[in-house]
Amino acid sequence: MSTMINAKHLLDRFLGPGGAASALEKFSGGGAGASPAASPWLNPAGAAGGGMAEAAKRALGGQGGVGSLAMGGAAGSLLGLLVGGKKKGKLGGALSHGGAAMLGALASRAYENWQQGKAPAQAPVAAPQEAERVPQKFLPAAAAGSDGQPFELSLIRAMIAAAKADGHIDEEERRLIFERVGQMGLDAEGKAFVFDALAGNAGVSEIAALAATPEQASEIYLASRLAVDVTQPEERAWLEALAGKLRLPDGLAAHLDRQIEAA
């Protein structure tokens, strides 16, 4: 069934050009100077705005928050819905303009900076126009993952697993997220894939094993980095374990982090 999925379209719906950044700004009161939102995954009952369950309710009811974007193109950001308020301001910039191709551009730039021995903190960051000239080997669609499926699906699995890395999602939150995904205009195969991934419990080893090339390993790390809050110990530990399982060369993870943090 997964071979019938429009994998590029589905990945772009996760990254949603303009969607993730806008959704998170709306959710958390947005804009410069806004105070960081608490993580609804870690404390859904007490998080700012009511946590993930409240965000999903607002999405379904069209009462502001993530759901207020439902009438515009930004409604495509499934990652923005998954991570809720915990990643405010970290999903925008270059990535929001280029979708899947920009993810490849960020990985390519990080790899180039690492190979040249640049210090991560001062290394240049990929610009939006670089999404138009990504080296072929860094394009998510360039090769299948190790499971033989389109690699874009591997990146989606990685984002979902990372978003669940703290181990908390209750049945009400799961139901509301499923219902929101069901309203997003995906085809039946795409919905089934997302639902299965959300319901599953993929571990670090399983996600890392999806990479068939070093370039794919760097992109799985980047996608996962988007979906975690590295200030939370359990999520940071998950990301570090993933980097180890992916066998990223020493120093490359810091360059990949730089691309996400500064994009």
Protein backbone atom coordinates (compact mmCIF):
# COMPACT_ATOMS: atom_id res chain seq x y z
CA MET A 1 0.00 0.00 0.00
CA SER A 2 2.79 2.42 0.87
CA THR A 3 4.14 2.24 -2.69
CA MET A 4 0.98 4.07 -3.82
CA ILE A 5 1.55 7.01 -1.48
CA ASN A 6 2.62 10.32 -2.99
CA ALA A 7 5.59 10.42 -0.62
CA LYS A 8 6.91 13.85 -1.63
CA HIS A 9 3.48 15.45 -1.19
CA LEU A 10 3.08 13.84 2.21
CA LEU A 11 6.52 15.01 3.40
CA ASP A 12 5.79 18.52 2.17
CA ARG A 13 2.56 18.45 4.18
CA PHE A 14 4.64 17.66 7.25
CA LEU A 15 7.12 20.44 6.60
CA GLY A 16 4.43 22.69 5.09
CA PRO A 17 6.06 25.70 3.38
CA GLY A 18 5.26 28.55 5.74
CA GLY A 19 3.12 26.27 7.83
CA ALA A 20 5.21 25.15 10.74
CA ALA A 21 6.50 28.57 11.72
CA SER A 22 3.13 30.25 11.33
CA ALA A 23 1.29 27.53 13.20
CA LEU A 24 3.63 27.69 16.15
CA GLU A 25 3.51 31.50 16.32
CA LYS A 26 -0.28 31.38 16.42
CA PHE A 27 -0.31 28.61 19.00
CA SER A 28 2.04 30.33 21.43
CA GLY A 29 1.07 33.95 21.01
CA GLY A 30 3.77 34.32 18.35
CA GLY A 31 6.22 36.97 17.38
CA ALA A 32 9.33 38.48 18.86
CA GLY A 33 9.34 38.83 22.59
CA ALA A 34 6.76 36.14 23.20
CA SER A 35 7.61 33.93 26.14
CA PRO A 36 8.49 30.30 25.37
CA ALA A 37 5.57 27.92 25.64
CA ALA A 38 5.72 24.94 27.95
CA SER A 39 5.96 21.52 26.36
CA PRO A 40 2.47 20.03 26.00
CA TRP A 41 4.04 16.62 25.42
CA LEU A 42 5.71 16.69 28.82
CA ASN A 43 2.86 18.25 30.77
CA PRO A 44 -0.30 18.38 28.65
CA ALA A 45 -2.63 19.30 31.49
CA GLY A 46 -0.58 22.24 32.68
CA ALA A 47 1.12 23.47 29.53
CA ALA A 48 0.49 26.94 28.21
CA GLY A 49 -2.73 27.06 26.23
CA GLY A 50 -3.86 23.68 27.58
CA GLY A 51 -1.24 21.51 25.89
CA MET A 52 -1.59 19.31 22.83
CA ALA A 53 -5.15 18.27 23.58
CA GLU A 54 -6.26 21.89 23.80
CA ALA A 55 -4.34 22.79 20.65
CA ALA A 56 -6.02 19.96 18.78
CA LYS A 57 -9.44 21.00 20.08
CA ARG A 58 -8.86 24.53 18.86
CA ALA A 59 -7.68 23.11 15.52
CA LEU A 60 -10.84 21.08 15.12
CA GLY A 61 -13.06 23.96 16.19
CA GLY A 62 -11.26 26.67 14.24
CA GLN A 63 -10.82 28.74 17.40
CA GLY A 64 -7.36 30.15 16.86
CA GLY A 65 -4.16 28.23 17.55
CA VAL A 66 -2.95 25.79 14.97
CA GLY A 67 -6.43 25.30 13.59
CA SER A 68 -6.93 28.94 12.68
CA LEU A 69 -4.66 28.26 9.71
CA ALA A 70 -6.99 25.64 8.26
CA MET A 71 -8.28 27.95 5.54
CA GLY A 72 -4.81 28.79 4.25
CA GLY A 73 -1.78 27.04 2.81
CA ALA A 74 -0.12 26.88 6.23
CA ALA A 75 -2.63 24.21 7.25
CA GLY A 76 -0.25 21.65 5.72
CA SER A 77 2.15 21.62 8.63
CA LEU A 78 1.55 18.31 10.37
CA LEU A 79 4.84 18.68 12.20
CA GLY A 80 3.60 21.94 13.69
CA LEU A 81 0.59 20.10 15.08
CA LEU A 82 2.69 17.23 16.39
CA VAL A 83 5.15 19.34 18.33
CA GLY A 84 2.63 21.90 19.56
CA GLY A 85 4.06 24.79 21.55
CA LYS A 86 7.35 23.21 22.53
CA LYS A 87 9.20 24.24 19.38
CA LYS A 88 7.99 27.81 19.01
CA GLY A 89 10.12 29.75 16.59
CA LYS A 90 12.35 26.80 15.66
CA LEU A 91 10.53 25.51 12.58
CA GLY A 92 10.60 28.59 10.42
CA GLY A 93 13.26 30.36 8.42
CA ALA A 94 14.79 28.64 5.45
CA LEU A 95 13.10 25.29 5.99
CA SER A 96 9.60 26.73 5.86
CA HIS A 97 10.22 28.00 2.32
CA GLY A 98 11.52 24.87 0.70
CA GLY A 99 9.91 21.80 2.19
CA ALA A 100 11.63 18.50 1.39
CA ALA A 101 14.20 20.08 -0.93
CA MET A 102 15.25 22.55 1.76
CA LEU A 103 15.81 19.69 4.18
CA GLY A 104 18.28 18.31 1.65
CA ALA A 105 19.90 21.72 1.29
CA LEU A 106 20.41 21.99 5.05
CA ALA A 107 21.99 18.52 5.15
CA SER A 108 24.23 19.33 2.19
CA ARG A 109 25.40 22.60 3.72
CA ALA A 110 26.11 20.92 7.07
CA TYR A 111 28.11 18.19 5.35
CA GLU A 112 30.14 20.74 3.36
CA ASN A 113 30.89 22.82 6.47
CA TRP A 114 31.95 19.68 8.36
CA GLN A 115 34.22 18.49 5.56
CA GLN A 116 35.88 21.92 5.44
CA GLY A 117 36.57 21.82 9.17
CA LYS A 118 34.56 24.92 10.00
CA ALA A 119 33.56 25.63 13.59
CA PRO A 120 29.83 24.86 13.88
CA ALA A 121 28.97 28.09 15.71
CA GLN A 122 30.37 30.21 12.87
CA ALA A 123 29.49 27.95 9.95
CA PRO A 124 27.28 29.40 7.20
CA VAL A 125 23.64 28.34 7.06
CA ALA A 126 21.82 27.23 3.91
CA ALA A 127 19.75 29.98 2.31
CA PRO A 128 16.26 29.39 0.86
CA GLN A 129 17.50 29.62 -2.73
CA GLU A 130 19.77 26.63 -2.12
CA ALA A 131 16.68 24.42 -2.26
CA GLU A 132 16.76 24.98 -6.03
CA ARG A 133 20.24 23.50 -6.46
CA VAL A 134 20.55 20.67 -3.97
CA PRO A 135 23.14 18.04 -4.95
CA GLN A 136 21.26 15.00 -6.23
CA LYS A 137 22.48 12.68 -3.47
CA PHE A 138 20.95 14.96 -0.81
CA LEU A 139 17.48 15.11 -2.35
CA PRO A 140 15.07 12.98 -0.28
CA ALA A 141 13.65 11.52 -3.47
CA ALA A 142 17.07 10.52 -4.85
CA ALA A 143 17.00 6.97 -3.49
CA ALA A 144 14.77 4.65 -1.51
CA GLY A 145 15.36 4.04 2.17
CA SER A 146 16.87 0.79 3.37
CA ASP A 147 13.35 -0.69 3.57
CA GLY A 148 12.85 -0.17 -0.16
CA GLN A 149 10.15 2.47 0.36
CA PRO A 150 10.41 6.13 -0.68
CA PHE A 151 12.85 7.81 1.67
CA GLU A 152 10.41 10.65 2.31
CA LEU A 153 8.37 8.14 4.32
CA SER A 154 11.43 7.35 6.42
CA LEU A 155 11.76 11.05 7.27
CA ILE A 156 8.11 11.19 8.34
CA ARG A 157 8.60 8.13 10.54
CA ALA A 158 11.63 9.83 12.08
CA MET A 159 9.72 13.03 12.86
CA ILE A 160 6.82 11.17 14.44
CA ALA A 161 9.10 8.96 16.54
CA ALA A 162 11.09 11.97 17.71
CA ALA A 163 7.95 13.93 18.60
CA LYS A 164 6.96 11.01 20.84
CA ALA A 165 10.42 10.62 22.36
CA ASP A 166 9.41 11.76 25.83
CA GLY A 167 7.05 8.79 26.01
CA HIS A 168 3.85 10.66 26.70
CA ILE A 169 0.72 10.79 24.59
CA ASP A 170 -2.62 9.83 26.07
CA GLU A 171 -5.60 8.37 24.24
CA GLU A 172 -7.49 11.67 24.05
CA GLU A 173 -4.53 13.43 22.49
CA ARG A 174 -4.05 10.57 20.06
CA ARG A 175 -7.74 10.66 19.06
CA LEU A 176 -7.69 14.40 18.44
CA ILE A 177 -4.50 14.26 16.39
CA PHE A 178 -5.92 11.41 14.30
CA GLU A 179 -9.09 13.39 13.71
CA ARG A 180 -7.14 16.48 12.65
CA VAL A 181 -4.99 14.47 10.25
CA GLY A 182 -8.16 12.97 8.81
CA GLN A 183 -9.34 16.45 7.84
CA MET A 184 -6.22 17.46 5.94
CA GLY A 185 -7.09 16.24 2.46
CA LEU A 186 -4.64 13.34 2.33
CA ASP A 187 -5.43 10.31 0.18
CA ALA A 188 -6.41 7.06 1.87
CA GLU A 189 -2.89 5.60 1.63
CA GLY A 190 -1.33 8.73 3.08
CA LYS A 191 -3.76 8.81 5.99
CA ALA A 192 -3.21 5.13 6.73
CA PHE A 193 0.56 5.60 6.71
CA VAL A 194 0.41 8.55 9.14
CA PHE A 195 -2.09 6.80 11.42
CA ASP A 196 0.08 3.66 11.56
CA ALA A 197 3.18 5.72 12.35
CA LEU A 198 1.37 7.67 15.07
CA ALA A 199 0.02 4.48 16.61
CA GLY A 200 3.38 2.71 16.44
CA ASN A 201 6.29 2.84 18.82
CA ALA A 202 9.40 2.99 16.63
CA GLY A 203 12.62 3.07 18.59
CA VAL A 204 15.96 4.69 17.89
CA SER A 205 17.45 1.57 16.26
CA GLU A 206 14.45 1.10 13.98
CA ILE A 207 14.56 4.71 12.78
CA ALA A 208 18.32 4.71 12.27
CA ALA A 209 18.11 1.51 10.24
CA LEU A 210 16.02 3.32 7.61
CA ALA A 211 19.07 5.20 6.32
CA ALA A 212 20.73 3.52 3.35
CA THR A 213 23.42 6.18 2.76
CA PRO A 214 25.40 8.72 4.83
CA GLU A 215 23.36 11.48 3.23
CA GLN A 216 20.11 9.82 4.31
CA ALA A 217 21.50 9.39 7.83
CA SER A 218 22.13 13.13 8.06
CA GLU A 219 18.60 13.90 6.86
CA ILE A 220 17.01 11.49 9.35
CA TYR A 221 18.94 13.29 12.09
CA LEU A 222 17.80 16.69 10.80
CA ALA A 223 14.15 15.62 10.59
CA SER A 224 14.32 14.23 14.11
CA ARG A 225 16.04 17.36 15.39
CA LEU A 226 13.10 19.41 14.14
CA ALA A 227 10.69 17.44 16.30
CA VAL A 228 12.46 17.46 19.67
CA ASP A 229 13.06 20.02 22.38
CA VAL A 230 16.76 19.60 23.17
CA THR A 231 16.34 21.44 26.49
CA GLN A 232 14.42 18.40 27.78
CA PRO A 233 16.82 15.66 28.98
CA GLU A 234 14.87 12.67 27.68
CA GLU A 235 14.44 14.18 24.23
CA ARG A 236 18.08 15.25 24.05
CA ALA A 237 19.12 11.74 25.09
CA TRP A 238 16.92 10.26 22.34
CA LEU A 239 18.55 12.48 19.73
CA GLU A 240 22.05 11.65 20.93
CA ALA A 241 21.25 7.95 20.84
CA LEU A 242 19.94 8.36 17.30
CA ALA A 243 23.14 10.10 16.21
CA GLY A 244 25.09 7.15 17.57
CA LYS A 245 22.92 4.56 15.85
CA LEU A 246 23.16 6.49 12.58
CA ARG A 247 26.94 6.36 12.92
CA LEU A 248 27.31 10.03 12.09
CA PRO A 249 30.98 11.02 11.85
CA ASP A 250 32.40 12.92 14.82
CA GLY A 251 31.37 16.55 14.67
CA LEU A 252 28.73 16.23 11.96
CA ALA A 253 25.78 16.27 14.38
CA ALA A 254 26.92 19.66 15.69
CA HIS A 255 26.87 21.03 12.13
CA LEU A 256 23.41 19.58 11.53
CA ASP A 257 22.22 21.17 14.79
CA ARG A 258 23.64 24.49 13.61
CA GLN A 259 21.55 24.37 10.43
CA ILE A 260 18.33 23.86 12.41
CA GLU A 261 19.11 26.34 15.16
CA ALA A 262 20.11 29.15 12.80
CA ALA A 263 17.77 28.49 9.85
